Amino acid sequence: MSIINNLIINMPIKWYGNGDSEDPIYKHFSRIVNFVIHCMIFTAIVSGTWLLKEIKYEFSYFNNFAIVWSVLLASHLLFVIIKKPKDTSKQST
């Protein structure tokens, strides 16, 4: 237990200021964060809609809705992968 306490106490939170929006690594991680937010919204809405459909309401468009959004999500992932910077020698500071 003391090891965990030492890790928690000895790891200060550091704020380095705003990132450089022109830095390719910063842009890439920004795209990853946007994709993860997109995934969370997709999961929340589709699972909530599915639950409502199973409990009480009949959503005839649910399958098409989920499929179309899944395709959009997959294309967003493809965009993030394609836009990954090739040269990572210029590291963020």
Protein backbone atom coordinates (compact mmCIF):
# COMPACT_ATOMS: atom_id res chain seq x y z
CA MET A 1 0.00 0.00 0.00
CA SER A 2 2.88 2.39 0.69
CA ILE A 3 4.17 1.92 -2.88
CA ILE A 4 0.84 3.13 -4.28
CA ASN A 5 0.81 6.08 -1.90
CA ASN A 6 4.36 7.02 -2.95
CA LEU A 7 3.36 6.90 -6.61
CA ILE A 8 0.32 9.07 -6.02
CA ILE A 9 2.12 11.62 -3.84
CA ASN A 10 5.30 11.83 -5.93
CA MET A 11 3.63 12.38 -9.30
CA PRO A 12 2.73 16.06 -9.59
CA ILE A 13 0.35 17.24 -12.25
CA LYS A 14 2.23 19.39 -14.75
CA TRP A 15 0.63 21.95 -17.00
CA TYR A 16 2.75 22.77 -19.99
CA GLY A 17 0.38 25.35 -21.41
CA ASN A 18 -1.54 25.18 -24.64
CA GLY A 19 -0.22 22.89 -27.32
CA ASP A 20 1.15 24.04 -30.63
CA SER A 21 -1.73 23.48 -33.04
CA GLU A 22 0.73 23.34 -35.96
CA ASP A 23 2.69 20.44 -34.45
CA PRO A 24 1.86 17.22 -36.37
CA ILE A 25 2.03 15.05 -33.23
CA TYR A 26 -0.33 17.43 -31.41
CA LYS A 27 -2.73 17.32 -34.37
CA HIS A 28 -2.61 13.52 -34.43
CA PHE A 29 -3.42 13.16 -30.75
CA SER A 30 -6.14 15.76 -31.12
CA ARG A 31 -7.67 13.62 -33.87
CA ILE A 32 -7.40 10.55 -31.62
CA VAL A 33 -9.18 12.37 -28.79
CA ASN A 34 -11.91 13.50 -31.19
CA PHE A 35 -12.32 9.93 -32.41
CA VAL A 36 -12.59 8.60 -28.86
CA ILE A 37 -15.25 11.23 -28.05
CA HIS A 38 -17.08 10.18 -31.23
CA CYS A 39 -16.94 6.53 -30.05
CA MET A 40 -18.29 7.45 -26.61
CA ILE A 41 -21.20 9.40 -28.07
CA PHE A 42 -21.94 6.55 -30.50
CA THR A 43 -21.92 3.99 -27.69
CA ALA A 44 -24.13 6.07 -25.40
CA ILE A 45 -26.74 6.90 -28.03
CA VAL A 46 -26.89 3.53 -29.76
CA SER A 47 -27.01 1.54 -26.52
CA GLY A 48 -29.62 3.89 -25.04
CA THR A 49 -31.73 3.72 -28.18
CA TRP A 50 -31.41 -0.08 -28.26
CA LEU A 51 -32.51 -0.26 -24.62
CA LEU A 52 -35.58 1.89 -25.32
CA LYS A 53 -36.35 -0.27 -28.35
CA GLU A 54 -36.13 -3.47 -26.32
CA ILE A 55 -38.17 -2.17 -23.39
CA LYS A 56 -41.06 -0.28 -24.90
CA TYR A 57 -40.77 1.51 -28.22
CA GLU A 58 -40.54 0.12 -31.71
CA PHE A 59 -37.85 1.93 -33.73
CA SER A 60 -38.06 0.55 -37.23
CA TYR A 61 -35.10 2.66 -38.32
CA PHE A 62 -32.77 1.52 -35.51
CA ASN A 63 -30.73 -0.99 -37.55
CA ASN A 64 -30.20 1.43 -40.43
CA PHE A 65 -29.32 4.19 -37.97
CA ALA A 66 -26.74 2.02 -36.20
CA ILE A 67 -25.24 0.75 -39.46
CA VAL A 68 -24.92 4.22 -41.00
CA TRP A 69 -23.34 5.63 -37.85
CA SER A 70 -20.98 2.63 -37.65
CA VAL A 71 -19.83 3.32 -41.20
CA LEU A 72 -19.24 6.97 -40.30
CA LEU A 73 -17.30 5.88 -37.22
CA ALA A 74 -15.18 3.49 -39.30
CA SER A 75 -14.47 6.24 -41.83
CA HIS A 76 -13.46 8.55 -38.97
CA LEU A 77 -11.02 5.88 -37.76
CA LEU A 78 -9.65 5.52 -41.29
CA PHE A 79 -9.16 9.29 -41.45
CA VAL A 80 -7.22 9.25 -38.16
CA ILE A 81 -5.01 6.41 -39.40
CA ILE A 82 -4.37 8.00 -42.81
CA LYS A 83 -3.55 11.40 -41.30
CA LYS A 84 -1.01 9.94 -38.86
CA PRO A 85 2.24 11.89 -39.26
CA LYS A 86 4.92 9.95 -41.10
CA ASP A 87 7.91 11.80 -39.65
CA THR A 88 7.91 11.65 -35.87
CA SER A 89 11.51 12.86 -35.54
CA LYS A 90 10.17 16.33 -34.74
CA GLN A 91 8.94 15.49 -31.27
CA SER A 92 6.67 17.76 -29.30
CA THR A 93 8.31 19.63 -26.49
